[in-house]
Protein backbone atom coordinates (compact mmCIF):
# COMPACT_ATOMS: atom_id res chain seq x y z
CA MET A 1 0.00 0.00 0.00
CA SER A 2 1.44 3.35 -1.08
CA ASP A 3 1.48 6.31 1.26
CA VAL A 4 1.78 8.83 -1.62
CA VAL A 5 -1.30 10.95 -2.27
CA THR A 6 -2.20 12.01 -5.80
CA GLY A 7 -4.99 14.11 -7.17
CA VAL A 8 -6.26 15.60 -10.39
CA THR A 9 -6.39 19.33 -11.15
CA ARG A 10 -9.49 20.93 -12.65
CA GLY A 11 -7.64 20.80 -15.95
CA GLY A 12 -7.30 17.03 -15.68
CA GLU A 13 -3.58 16.86 -14.89
CA VAL A 14 -2.38 14.43 -12.23
CA TRP A 15 -0.81 16.28 -9.30
CA THR A 16 1.17 14.92 -6.36
CA PRO A 17 1.28 17.18 -3.31
CA ALA A 18 4.56 17.46 -1.40
CA PHE A 19 4.10 17.92 2.33
CA VAL A 20 6.40 19.94 4.61
CA ARG A 21 8.84 17.59 6.32
CA ALA A 22 11.36 19.95 7.89
CA LEU A 23 12.19 23.59 8.49
CA ASP A 24 15.85 24.62 8.79
CA GLN A 25 15.56 27.17 11.57
CA GLY A 26 19.27 27.98 11.28
CA LYS A 27 18.59 29.52 7.86
CA CYS A 28 15.24 31.11 8.75
CA ILE A 29 15.19 34.92 8.98
CA GLY A 30 11.69 35.09 10.49
CA CYS A 31 10.24 37.13 7.62
CA GLY A 32 6.81 35.49 8.02
CA ARG A 33 6.18 34.88 4.33
CA CYS A 34 5.48 31.16 4.82
CA PHE A 35 3.13 31.97 7.70
CA LYS A 36 1.22 34.50 5.61
CA VAL A 37 0.80 32.25 2.56
CA CYS A 38 -0.08 29.02 4.40
CA PRO A 39 -3.84 28.30 4.30
CA ARG A 40 -3.69 25.75 7.15
CA GLU A 41 -1.81 27.43 10.04
CA VAL A 42 1.13 25.02 9.81
CA PHE A 43 3.62 27.67 11.02
CA GLU A 44 4.09 29.89 14.04
CA LEU A 45 6.61 32.65 14.70
CA VAL A 46 8.62 32.10 17.89
CA ASP A 47 11.56 33.73 19.62
CA ARG A 48 14.85 32.25 18.39
CA ASP A 49 16.31 32.41 21.91
CA ASP A 50 13.50 30.23 23.27
CA LEU A 51 14.54 27.45 20.88
CA GLU A 52 18.28 27.90 21.47
CA ILE A 53 19.05 27.89 17.74
CA GLU A 54 22.28 29.07 16.25
CA ALA A 55 22.26 30.52 12.76
CA ASP A 56 23.97 28.67 9.91
CA ASP A 57 27.34 29.91 8.67
CA ASP A 58 25.57 31.20 5.54
CA TRP A 59 23.34 33.42 7.68
CA ASP A 60 24.45 37.05 7.77
CA ASP A 61 23.26 40.36 9.16
CA ASP A 62 23.13 42.17 5.83
CA ASP A 63 19.93 43.36 4.22
CA ASP A 64 18.98 41.47 1.07
CA ASP A 65 17.32 43.04 -1.92
CA ASP A 66 13.98 41.72 -0.63
CA GLY A 67 13.80 44.55 1.93
CA PHE A 68 13.91 42.31 5.01
CA SER A 69 16.69 42.57 7.55
CA ASP A 70 18.37 39.30 8.50
CA ASP A 71 18.98 40.73 11.96
CA THR A 72 16.01 39.16 13.70
CA SER A 73 15.36 37.32 16.91
CA MET A 74 12.27 35.57 15.54
CA VAL A 75 12.14 32.29 13.63
CA MET A 76 9.43 30.09 12.14
CA HIS A 77 8.43 26.89 13.86
CA LEU A 78 6.33 23.98 12.55
CA MET A 79 3.24 24.16 14.74
CA ASN A 80 0.67 21.95 12.95
CA LEU A 81 2.74 19.80 10.60
CA LEU A 82 -0.08 17.29 10.10
CA ASP A 83 -2.35 20.06 8.75
CA CYS A 84 -0.11 20.61 5.70
CA ILE A 85 -2.00 20.05 2.42
CA GLY A 86 1.15 19.80 0.29
CA CYS A 87 0.63 22.93 -1.83
CA GLN A 88 4.29 24.03 -1.36
CA ALA A 89 3.30 27.71 -1.33
CA CYS A 90 5.59 28.19 1.68
CA SER A 91 8.66 27.07 -0.26
CA LYS A 92 7.79 29.23 -3.22
CA VAL A 93 7.90 32.40 -1.08
CA CYS A 94 10.82 31.50 1.22
CA PRO A 95 13.83 33.70 0.35
CA LYS A 96 16.26 31.44 2.27
CA LYS A 97 15.03 28.02 1.04
CA CYS A 98 14.44 26.77 4.61
CA LEU A 99 11.79 24.14 3.90
CA SER A 100 11.98 20.57 2.67
CA HIS A 101 9.04 18.56 1.34
CA SER A 102 8.11 14.97 0.57
CA PRO A 103 5.19 13.43 -1.34
CA SER A 104 4.60 10.92 1.45
CA GLY A 105 1.19 11.23 3.10
CA VAL A 106 2.50 9.68 6.29
CA ALA A 107 3.99 11.94 8.97
CA ALA A 108 7.74 11.67 9.47
């Protein structure tokens, strides 16, 4: 029995959702884009110090062209991972590529 979910778009194309599996909080700048675009409240913004996370070596304090400062004490956290519908909208808006997905319908 396969644990991969597939569906069909209104146009008749087969589509396989890819569900959020992990969030690299070391890369996250806490911009909130994934939170804003998610229709299922999968994410929450938390204080980085509360999670005792250290930023990745790639993480810097410079402003990117996107207008957000990387100097933040907030970070995204996966709050309701099982509510993910696999649309991948969060990854499409993430400027730091913090999220990983899998087509498996079974929680990791």
